[in-house]
PDB file of N, CA and C in Angstrom:
ATOM      1  N   MET A   1      57.427 143.205 104.276  1.00  0.00           N
ATOM      2  CA  MET A   1      58.349 144.338 103.976  1.00  0.00           C
ATOM      3  C   MET A   1      59.909 144.148 104.520  1.00  0.00           C
ATOM      4  N   ALA A   2      60.688 144.144 103.744  1.00  0.00           N
ATOM      5  CA  ALA A   2      62.097 143.907 104.083  1.00  0.00           C
ATOM      6  C   ALA A   2      62.692 145.169 104.864  1.00  0.00           C
ATOM      7  N   ARG A   3      63.495 144.952 105.863  1.00  0.00           N
ATOM      8  CA  ARG A   3      64.003 146.068 106.676  1.00  0.00           C
ATOM      9  C   ARG A   3      65.508 145.866 106.630  1.00  0.00           C
ATOM     10  N   THR A   4      66.246 147.025 106.611  1.00  0.00           N
ATOM     11  CA  THR A   4      67.674 146.927 106.770  1.00  0.00           C
ATOM     12  C   THR A   4      68.115 146.517 108.097  1.00  0.00           C
ATOM     13  N   ILE A   5      69.411 146.302 108.286  1.00  0.00           N
ATOM     14  CA  ILE A   5      69.850 145.971 109.823  1.00  0.00           C
ATOM     15  C   ILE A   5      69.698 147.376 110.770  1.00  0.00           C
ATOM     16  N   GLN A   6      70.040 148.601 109.839  1.00  0.00           N
ATOM     17  CA  GLN A   6      69.634 149.782 110.724  1.00  0.00           C
ATOM     18  C   GLN A   6      68.306 149.979 111.071  1.00  0.00           C
ATOM     19  N   GLU A   7      67.562 149.792 109.994  1.00  0.00           N
ATOM     20  CA  GLU A   7      65.949 149.960 110.714  1.00  0.00           C
ATOM     21  C   GLU A   7      65.623 148.999 111.672  1.00  0.00           C
ATOM     22  N   LEU A   8      65.983 147.577 111.678  1.00  0.00           N
ATOM     23  CA  LEU A   8      65.755 146.655 112.620  1.00  0.00           C
ATOM     24  C   LEU A   8      66.272 147.223 114.007  1.00  0.00           C
ATOM     25  N   THR A   9      67.582 148.002 114.020  1.00  0.00           N
ATOM     26  CA  THR A   9      68.206 148.408 115.030  1.00  0.00           C
ATOM     27  C   THR A   9      67.502 149.568 115.737  1.00  0.00           C
ATOM     28  N   GLU A  10      67.111 150.398 114.880  1.00  0.00           N
ATOM     29  CA  GLU A  10      66.196 151.638 115.356  1.00  0.00           C
ATOM     30  C   GLU A  10      64.884 151.233 116.104  1.00  0.00           C
ATOM     31  N   GLU A  11      64.243 150.218 115.453  1.00  0.00           N
ATOM     32  CA  GLU A  11      63.078 149.610 115.912  1.00  0.00           C
ATOM     33  C   GLU A  11      63.198 149.196 117.320  1.00  0.00           C
ATOM     34  N   MET A  12      64.274 148.296 117.436  1.00  0.00           N
ATOM     35  CA  MET A  12      64.686 147.639 118.661  1.00  0.00           C
ATOM     36  C   MET A  12      64.905 148.602 119.673  1.00  0.00           C
ATOM     37  N   HIS A  13      65.565 149.665 119.514  1.00  0.00           N
ATOM     38  CA  HIS A  13      66.030 151.015 120.274  1.00  0.00           C
ATOM     39  C   HIS A  13      64.794 151.437 120.840  1.00  0.00           C
ATOM     40  N   ARG A  14      63.679 151.795 119.837  1.00  0.00           N
ATOM     41  CA  ARG A  14      62.411 152.333 120.399  1.00  0.00           C
ATOM     42  C   ARG A  14      61.706 151.346 121.197  1.00  0.00           C
ATOM     43  N   PHE A  15      61.680 150.119 121.081  1.00  0.00           N
ATOM     44  CA  PHE A  15      60.908 149.200 121.927  1.00  0.00           C
ATOM     45  C   PHE A  15      61.636 149.097 123.529  1.00  0.00           C
ATOM     46  N   VAL A  16      63.018 149.084 123.203  1.00  0.00           N
ATOM     47  CA  VAL A  16      63.759 149.017 124.602  1.00  0.00           C
ATOM     48  C   VAL A  16      63.557 150.265 125.450  1.00  0.00           C
ATOM     49  N   ALA A  17      63.746 151.550 124.770  1.00  0.00           N
ATOM     50  CA  ALA A  17      63.209 152.791 125.369  1.00  0.00           C
ATOM     51  C   ALA A  17      61.935 152.872 125.992  1.00  0.00           C
ATOM     52  N   SER A  18      61.057 152.125 125.210  1.00  0.00           N
ATOM     53  CA  SER A  18      59.531 152.431 125.726  1.00  0.00           C
ATOM     54  C   SER A  18      59.278 151.502 126.944  1.00  0.00           C
ATOM     55  N   LYS A  19      60.077 150.368 127.050  1.00  0.00           N
ATOM     56  CA  LYS A  19      60.078 149.932 128.285  1.00  0.00           C
ATOM     57  C   LYS A  19      60.944 150.474 129.418  1.00  0.00           C
ATOM     58  N   GLY A  20      61.265 151.677 129.356  1.00  0.00           N
ATOM     59  CA  GLY A  20      62.221 152.152 130.204  1.00  0.00           C
ATOM     60  C   GLY A  20      63.508 151.635 130.593  1.00  0.00           C
ATOM     61  N   PHE A  21      64.169 150.645 129.699  1.00  0.00           N
ATOM     62  CA  PHE A  21      65.338 149.950 130.107  1.00  0.00           C
ATOM     63  C   PHE A  21      66.770 150.753 129.838  1.00  0.00           C
ATOM     64  N   TYR A  22      66.317 152.036 129.156  1.00  0.00           N
ATOM     65  CA  TYR A  22      67.741 152.986 128.846  1.00  0.00           C
ATOM     66  C   TYR A  22      67.489 153.958 129.925  1.00  0.00           C
ATOM     67  N   GLY A  23      66.590 153.907 130.966  1.00  0.00           N
ATOM     68  CA  GLY A  23      66.750 154.968 132.075  1.00  0.00           C
ATOM     69  C   GLY A  23      67.905 154.751 133.121  1.00  0.00           C
ATOM     70  N   ALA A  24      68.248 155.833 133.604  1.00  0.00           N
ATOM     71  CA  ALA A  24      69.225 155.748 134.673  1.00  0.00           C
ATOM     72  C   ALA A  24      68.962 154.705 135.873  1.00  0.00           C
ATOM     73  N   ASP A  25      67.921 154.652 136.084  1.00  0.00           N
ATOM     74  CA  ASP A  25      67.354 153.764 137.394  1.00  0.00           C
ATOM     75  C   ASP A  25      66.635 152.435 137.042  1.00  0.00           C
ATOM     76  N   THR A  26      67.061 152.187 135.697  1.00  0.00           N
ATOM     77  CA  THR A  26      66.621 150.726 135.285  1.00  0.00           C
ATOM     78  C   THR A  26      67.403 149.575 136.130  1.00  0.00           C
ATOM     79  N   PRO A  27      66.460 148.719 136.534  1.00  0.00           N
ATOM     80  CA  PRO A  27      67.302 147.353 136.977  1.00  0.00           C
ATOM     81  C   PRO A  27      67.666 146.469 136.135  1.00  0.00           C
ATOM     82  N   ARG A  28      67.657 146.743 134.810  1.00  0.00           N
ATOM     83  CA  ARG A  28      68.486 146.159 133.722  1.00  0.00           C
ATOM     84  C   ARG A  28      69.258 147.040 133.081  1.00  0.00           C
ATOM     85  N   PRO A  29      70.348 147.405 133.294  1.00  0.00           N
ATOM     86  CA  PRO A  29      71.258 148.207 132.474  1.00  0.00           C
ATOM     87  C   PRO A  29      71.535 147.744 131.368  1.00  0.00           C
ATOM     88  N   GLN A  30      71.483 148.529 130.056  1.00  0.00           N
ATOM     89  CA  GLN A  30      71.781 148.014 128.816  1.00  0.00           C
ATOM     90  C   GLN A  30      73.193 148.327 128.444  1.00  0.00           C
ATOM     91  N   VAL A  31      74.120 147.680 129.130  1.00  0.00           N
ATOM     92  CA  VAL A  31      75.378 147.946 128.880  1.00  0.00           C
ATOM     93  C   VAL A  31      76.002 146.629 128.174  1.00  0.00           C
ATOM     94  N   PRO A  32      77.047 146.747 127.475  1.00  0.00           N
ATOM     95  CA  PRO A  32      77.716 145.575 126.712  1.00  0.00           C
ATOM     96  C   PRO A  32      77.658 144.303 127.355  1.00  0.00           C
ATOM     97  N   ARG A  33      78.070 144.369 128.643  1.00  0.00           N
ATOM     98  CA  ARG A  33      78.211 143.014 129.466  1.00  0.00           C
ATOM     99  C   ARG A  33      77.236 142.292 129.625  1.00  0.00           C
ATOM    100  N   ASN A  34      76.043 143.146 129.881  1.00  0.00           N
ATOM    101  CA  ASN A  34      74.711 142.666 130.316  1.00  0.00           C
ATOM    102  C   ASN A  34      73.926 142.128 128.956  1.00  0.00           C
ATOM    103  N   LEU A  35      74.336 142.821 128.069  1.00  0.00           N
ATOM    104  CA  LEU A  35      73.712 142.271 126.612  1.00  0.00           C
ATOM    105  C   LEU A  35      74.455 141.098 126.102  1.00  0.00           C
ATOM    106  N   ALA A  36      75.794 141.061 126.312  1.00  0.00           N
ATOM    107  CA  ALA A  36      76.437 139.900 125.868  1.00  0.00           C
ATOM    108  C   ALA A  36      75.926 138.454 126.680  1.00  0.00           C
ATOM    109  N   ILE A  37      75.636 138.637 128.086  1.00  0.00           N
ATOM    110  CA  ILE A  37      75.218 137.568 128.674  1.00  0.00           C
ATOM    111  C   ILE A  37      73.739 137.251 128.106  1.00  0.00           C
ATOM    112  N   SER A  38      72.866 138.270 128.074  1.00  0.00           N
ATOM    113  CA  SER A  38      71.384 138.027 127.527  1.00  0.00           C
ATOM    114  C   SER A  38      71.709 137.188 126.198  1.00  0.00           C
ATOM    115  N   LEU A  39      72.270 137.656 125.329  1.00  0.00           N
ATOM    116  CA  LEU A  39      72.697 137.057 124.017  1.00  0.00           C
ATOM    117  C   LEU A  39      72.818 135.705 124.078  1.00  0.00           C
ATOM    118  N   VAL A  40      73.862 135.292 124.843  1.00  0.00           N
ATOM    119  CA  VAL A  40      74.307 133.904 125.071  1.00  0.00           C
ATOM    120  C   VAL A  40      73.123 133.083 125.606  1.00  0.00           C
ATOM    121  N   LEU A  41      72.530 133.449 126.627  1.00  0.00           N
ATOM    122  CA  LEU A  41      71.239 133.122 127.414  1.00  0.00           C
ATOM    123  C   LEU A  41      70.300 132.754 126.078  1.00  0.00           C
ATOM    124  N   GLU A  42      69.907 133.638 125.412  1.00  0.00           N
ATOM    125  CA  GLU A  42      68.779 133.446 124.298  1.00  0.00           C
ATOM    126  C   GLU A  42      69.335 132.359 123.344  1.00  0.00           C
ATOM    127  N   ALA A  43      70.539 132.380 123.197  1.00  0.00           N
ATOM    128  CA  ALA A  43      71.185 131.486 122.189  1.00  0.00           C
ATOM    129  C   ALA A  43      70.919 129.947 122.740  1.00  0.00           C
ATOM    130  N   SER A  44      71.247 130.046 124.098  1.00  0.00           N
ATOM    131  CA  SER A  44      70.974 128.350 124.715  1.00  0.00           C
ATOM    132  C   SER A  44      69.640 128.242 124.649  1.00  0.00           C
ATOM    133  N   GLU A  45      68.469 129.198 124.631  1.00  0.00           N
ATOM    134  CA  GLU A  45      67.204 128.702 124.418  1.00  0.00           C
ATOM    135  C   GLU A  45      66.839 128.103 123.124  1.00  0.00           C
ATOM    136  N   VAL A  46      67.643 128.644 122.071  1.00  0.00           N
ATOM    137  CA  VAL A  46      67.363 127.985 120.865  1.00  0.00           C
ATOM    138  C   VAL A  46      67.806 126.663 121.036  1.00  0.00           C
ATOM    139  N   LEU A  47      69.016 126.228 121.657  1.00  0.00           N
ATOM    140  CA  LEU A  47      69.447 124.718 121.869  1.00  0.00           C
ATOM    141  C   LEU A  47      68.169 123.755 122.452  1.00  0.00           C
ATOM    142  N   GLU A  48      67.541 124.465 123.217  1.00  0.00           N
ATOM    143  CA  GLU A  48      66.526 123.654 124.172  1.00  0.00           C
ATOM    144  C   GLU A  48      65.470 122.987 123.188  1.00  0.00           C
ATOM    145  N   HIS A  49      65.259 123.610 122.031  1.00  0.00           N
ATOM    146  CA  HIS A  49      64.406 123.340 120.984  1.00  0.00           C
ATOM    147  C   HIS A  49      64.850 122.123 120.369  1.00  0.00           C
ATOM    148  N   PHE A  50      66.113 121.783 120.163  1.00  0.00           N
ATOM    149  CA  PHE A  50      66.808 120.472 119.747  1.00  0.00           C
ATOM    150  C   PHE A  50      67.373 119.602 120.753  1.00  0.00           C
ATOM    151  N   GLN A  51      67.098 119.584 121.975  1.00  0.00           N
ATOM    152  CA  GLN A  51      67.447 119.006 123.071  1.00  0.00           C
ATOM    153  C   GLN A  51      67.301 117.538 123.060  1.00  0.00           C
ATOM    154  N   TRP A  52      65.836 117.052 122.480  1.00  0.00           N
ATOM    155  CA  TRP A  52      65.484 115.844 122.339  1.00  0.00           C
ATOM    156  C   TRP A  52      65.214 115.410 121.013  1.00  0.00           C
ATOM    157  N   GLY A  53      65.428 116.015 120.092  1.00  0.00           N
ATOM    158  CA  GLY A  53      65.284 115.727 118.762  1.00  0.00           C
ATOM    159  C   GLY A  53      65.683 116.538 117.656  1.00  0.00           C
ATOM    160  N   GLU A  54      65.602 116.126 116.482  1.00  0.00           N
ATOM    161  CA  GLU A  54      66.038 116.909 115.266  1.00  0.00           C
ATOM    162  C   GLU A  54      65.123 118.072 114.770  1.00  0.00           C
ATOM    163  N   GLN A  55      63.878 118.058 115.245  1.00  0.00           N
ATOM    164  CA  GLN A  55      62.905 118.972 114.844  1.00  0.00           C
ATOM    165  C   GLN A  55      62.489 120.017 115.929  1.00  0.00           C
ATOM    166  N   ALA A  56      62.276 121.091 115.356  1.00  0.00           N
ATOM    167  CA  ALA A  56      61.653 122.108 116.227  1.00  0.00           C
ATOM    168  C   ALA A  56      60.295 122.919 115.890  1.00  0.00           C
ATOM    169  N   ASP A  57      59.555 123.266 116.556  1.00  0.00           N
ATOM    170  CA  ASP A  57      58.371 124.165 116.069  1.00  0.00           C
ATOM    171  C   ASP A  57      58.957 125.359 115.533  1.00  0.00           C
ATOM    172  N   PRO A  58      58.467 125.541 114.205  1.00  0.00           N
ATOM    173  CA  PRO A  58      59.121 126.793 113.583  1.00  0.00           C
ATOM    174  C   PRO A  58      58.656 128.084 114.185  1.00  0.00           C
ATOM    175  N   GLU A  59      57.382 128.239 114.737  1.00  0.00           N
ATOM    176  CA  GLU A  59      57.177 129.453 115.377  1.00  0.00           C
ATOM    177  C   GLU A  59      57.844 129.758 116.817  1.00  0.00           C
ATOM    178  N   ARG A  60      57.905 128.667 117.387  1.00  0.00           N
ATOM    179  CA  ARG A  60      58.600 129.033 118.792  1.00  0.00           C
ATOM    180  C   ARG A  60      60.169 129.229 118.542  1.00  0.00           C
ATOM    181  N   LEU A  61      60.875 128.502 117.497  1.00  0.00           N
ATOM    182  CA  LEU A  61      62.117 128.579 117.306  1.00  0.00           C
ATOM    183  C   LEU A  61      62.231 129.920 116.824  1.00  0.00           C
ATOM    184  N   GLY A  62      61.549 130.219 115.742  1.00  0.00           N
ATOM    185  CA  GLY A  62      61.723 131.769 115.171  1.00  0.00           C
ATOM    186  C   GLY A  62      61.644 132.892 116.514  1.00  0.00           C
ATOM    187  N   ASP A  63      60.814 132.663 117.526  1.00  0.00           N
ATOM    188  CA  ASP A  63      60.689 133.432 118.379  1.00  0.00           C
ATOM    189  C   ASP A  63      62.146 133.515 119.193  1.00  0.00           C
ATOM    190  N   GLU A  64      62.825 132.401 119.326  1.00  0.00           N
ATOM    191  CA  GLU A  64      63.989 132.345 120.039  1.00  0.00           C
ATOM    192  C   GLU A  64      65.067 132.919 119.163  1.00  0.00           C
ATOM    193  N   LEU A  65      65.171 132.812 117.817  1.00  0.00           N
ATOM    194  CA  LEU A  65      66.091 133.220 117.004  1.00  0.00           C
ATOM    195  C   LEU A  65      65.910 134.910 116.674  1.00  0.00           C
ATOM    196  N   ALA A  66      64.904 135.332 116.885  1.00  0.00           N
ATOM    197  CA  ALA A  66      64.497 136.803 117.028  1.00  0.00           C
ATOM    198  C   ALA A  66      65.027 137.352 118.221  1.00  0.00           C
ATOM    199  N   ASP A  67      64.538 136.817 119.502  1.00  0.00           N
ATOM    200  CA  ASP A  67      65.469 137.176 120.732  1.00  0.00           C
ATOM    201  C   ASP A  67      66.995 137.222 120.526  1.00  0.00           C
ATOM    202  N   VAL A  68      67.505 136.320 119.896  1.00  0.00           N
ATOM    203  CA  VAL A  68      68.922 136.459 119.601  1.00  0.00           C
ATOM    204  C   VAL A  68      69.340 137.652 118.682  1.00  0.00           C
ATOM    205  N   ALA A  69      68.590 137.585 117.572  1.00  0.00           N
ATOM    206  CA  ALA A  69      68.913 138.833 116.746  1.00  0.00           C
ATOM    207  C   ALA A  69      68.736 140.127 117.371  1.00  0.00           C
ATOM    208  N   LEU A  70      67.867 140.218 118.239  1.00  0.00           N
ATOM    209  CA  LEU A  70      67.522 141.602 118.793  1.00  0.00           C
ATOM    210  C   LEU A  70      68.615 141.757 119.811  1.00  0.00           C
ATOM    211  N   TYR A  71      69.049 140.924 120.503  1.00  0.00           N
ATOM    212  CA  TYR A  71      70.213 141.348 121.480  1.00  0.00           C
ATOM    213  C   TYR A  71      71.424 141.338 120.779  1.00  0.00           C
ATOM    214  N   LEU A  72      71.798 140.843 119.681  1.00  0.00           N
ATOM    215  CA  LEU A  72      72.890 140.985 118.666  1.00  0.00           C
ATOM    216  C   LEU A  72      72.781 142.507 118.095  1.00  0.00           C
ATOM    217  N   LEU A  73      71.637 142.971 117.818  1.00  0.00           N
ATOM    218  CA  LEU A  73      71.718 144.155 117.319  1.00  0.00           C
ATOM    219  C   LEU A  73      71.891 145.227 118.104  1.00  0.00           C
ATOM    220  N   GLN A  74      71.245 145.002 119.418  1.00  0.00           N
ATOM    221  CA  GLN A  74      71.592 146.012 120.422  1.00  0.00           C
ATOM    222  C   GLN A  74      72.920 145.919 121.071  1.00  0.00           C
ATOM    223  N   LEU A  75      73.638 144.854 121.113  1.00  0.00           N
ATOM    224  CA  LEU A  75      74.979 144.803 121.565  1.00  0.00           C
ATOM    225  C   LEU A  75      75.895 145.462 120.661  1.00  0.00           C
ATOM    226  N   ALA A  76      75.639 145.213 119.342  1.00  0.00           N
ATOM    227  CA  ALA A  76      76.308 145.928 118.359  1.00  0.00           C
ATOM    228  C   ALA A  76      76.391 147.271 118.215  1.00  0.00           C
ATOM    229  N   SER A  77      75.059 147.846 118.358  1.00  0.00           N
ATOM    230  CA  SER A  77      74.771 149.426 118.420  1.00  0.00           C
ATOM    231  C   SER A  77      75.383 150.166 119.666  1.00  0.00           C
ATOM    232  N   VAL A  78      75.325 149.405 120.790  1.00  0.00           N
ATOM    233  CA  VAL A  78      75.545 150.223 121.980  1.00  0.00           C
ATOM    234  C   VAL A  78      77.329 149.860 122.167  1.00  0.00           C
ATOM    235  N   SER A  79      77.721 149.035 121.426  1.00  0.00           N
ATOM    236  CA  SER A  79      79.311 148.900 121.441  1.00  0.00           C
ATOM    237  C   SER A  79      80.034 149.781 120.179  1.00  0.00           C
ATOM    238  N   GLY A  80      78.854 150.465 119.408  1.00  0.00           N
ATOM    239  CA  GLY A  80      79.533 151.410 118.268  1.00  0.00           C
ATOM    240  C   GLY A  80      80.040 150.583 117.093  1.00  0.00           C
ATOM    241  N   ILE A  81      79.396 149.247 116.913  1.00  0.00           N
ATOM    242  CA  ILE A  81      79.824 148.542 115.911  1.00  0.00           C
ATOM    243  C   ILE A  81      78.858 148.487 114.825  1.00  0.00           C
ATOM    244  N   ASP A  82      79.547 148.813 113.511  1.00  0.00           N
ATOM    245  CA  ASP A  82      78.565 148.778 112.349  1.00  0.00           C
ATOM    246  C   ASP A  82      78.580 147.254 111.892  1.00  0.00           C
ATOM    247  N   LEU A  83      77.403 146.635 112.413  1.00  0.00           N
ATOM    248  CA  LEU A  83      76.962 145.286 112.194  1.00  0.00           C
ATOM    249  C   LEU A  83      77.145 144.700 110.808  1.00  0.00           C
ATOM    250  N   GLU A  84      76.445 145.478 110.043  1.00  0.00           N
ATOM    251  CA  GLU A  84      76.355 145.315 108.531  1.00  0.00           C
ATOM    252  C   GLU A  84      77.790 145.286 107.916  1.00  0.00           C
ATOM    253  N   GLN A  85      78.691 146.092 108.175  1.00  0.00           N
ATOM    254  CA  GLN A  85      80.198 146.250 107.780  1.00  0.00           C
ATOM    255  C   GLN A  85      80.836 145.188 108.415  1.00  0.00           C
ATOM    256  N   SER A  86      80.549 144.765 109.703  1.00  0.00           N
ATOM    257  CA  SER A  86      81.265 143.609 110.142  1.00  0.00           C
ATOM    258  C   SER A  86      81.130 142.311 109.659  1.00  0.00           C
ATOM    259  N   ILE A  87      79.833 141.957 109.248  1.00  0.00           N
ATOM    260  CA  ILE A  87      79.491 140.808 108.610  1.00  0.00           C
ATOM    261  C   ILE A  87      80.069 140.815 107.147  1.00  0.00           C
ATOM    262  N   LEU A  88      79.935 142.187 106.573  1.00  0.00           N
ATOM    263  CA  LEU A  88      80.500 141.861 105.233  1.00  0.00           C
ATOM    264  C   LEU A  88      82.170 141.721 105.270  1.00  0.00           C
ATOM    265  N   ARG A  89      82.649 142.342 106.141  1.00  0.00           N
ATOM    266  CA  ARG A  89      84.173 142.067 106.366  1.00  0.00           C
ATOM    267  C   ARG A  89      84.455 140.714 106.718  1.00  0.00           C
ATOM    268  N   LYS A  90      83.718 140.094 107.501  1.00  0.00           N
ATOM    269  CA  LYS A  90      83.928 138.851 107.955  1.00  0.00           C
ATOM    270  C   LYS A  90      83.758 137.807 106.721  1.00  0.00           C
ATOM    271  N   LEU A  91      82.719 137.962 106.154  1.00  0.00           N
ATOM    272  CA  LEU A  91      82.373 137.053 104.871  1.00  0.00           C
ATOM    273  C   LEU A  91      83.695 137.075 104.081  1.00  0.00           C
ATOM    274  N   GLU A  92      84.369 138.436 103.822  1.00  0.00           N
ATOM    275  CA  GLU A  92      85.445 138.703 102.816  1.00  0.00           C
ATOM    276  C   GLU A  92      86.590 137.569 103.492  1.00  0.00           C
ATOM    277  N   LYS A  93      86.764 137.727 104.856  1.00  0.00           N
ATOM    278  CA  LYS A  93      87.839 137.045 105.582  1.00  0.00           C
ATOM    279  C   LYS A  93      87.632 135.647 105.295  1.00  0.00           C
ATOM    280  N   ASN A  94      86.327 135.187 105.428  1.00  0.00           N
ATOM    281  CA  ASN A  94      86.155 133.693 105.352  1.00  0.00           C
ATOM    282  C   ASN A  94      86.238 132.956 103.840  1.00  0.00           C
ATOM    283  N   ARG A  95      86.137 134.080 103.140  1.00  0.00           N
ATOM    284  CA  ARG A  95      86.208 133.504 101.520  1.00  0.00           C
ATOM    285  C   ARG A  95      87.580 132.898 101.368  1.00  0.00           C
ATOM    286  N   GLY A  96      88.656 133.796 102.046  1.00  0.00           N
ATOM    287  CA  GLY A  96      90.030 133.229 101.601  1.00  0.00           C
ATOM    288  C   GLY A  96      90.518 132.278 102.740  1.00  0.00           C
ATOM    289  N   ARG A  97      89.635 132.066 103.574  1.00  0.00           N
ATOM    290  CA  ARG A  97      90.016 130.958 104.701  1.00  0.00           C
ATOM    291  C   ARG A  97      90.106 129.481 104.159  1.00  0.00           C
ATOM    292  N   GLU A  98      90.817 128.884 104.660  1.00  0.00           N
ATOM    293  CA  GLU A  98      90.994 127.278 104.225  1.00  0.00           C
ATOM    294  C   GLU A  98      90.193 126.448 105.469  1.00  0.00           C
ATOM    295  N   TRP A  99      89.347 125.850 104.895  1.00  0.00           N
ATOM    296  CA  TRP A  99      88.392 125.159 105.697  1.00  0.00           C
ATOM    297  C   TRP A  99      88.687 123.710 106.042  1.00  0.00           C
ATOM    298  N   THR A 100      89.087 123.047 107.124  1.00  0.00           N
ATOM    299  CA  THR A 100      89.518 121.621 107.214  1.00  0.00           C
ATOM    300  C   THR A 100      88.715 120.876 108.055  1.00  0.00           C
TER     301      THR A 100
END
């Protein structure tokens, strides 16, 4: 079942809330700075799958890509960014860009 970016974002927020990470006393404040750091750390874990070769286990790689996507959705949401519109706008900019 296909989901929209908004639906995935809402599901991510429900999960994060269920773990108590949006509470005032959480040891893992879900603020843009912390989410940006987590996004980069998860992206680095994607690289680990290719550290010693060209192939990666699809399920394990998929798990890491999902982690990256979840942090991306959360960072965009808590920063007030409409990720869908940002993606569409960036694609339009890239259409007119010269690639060298």
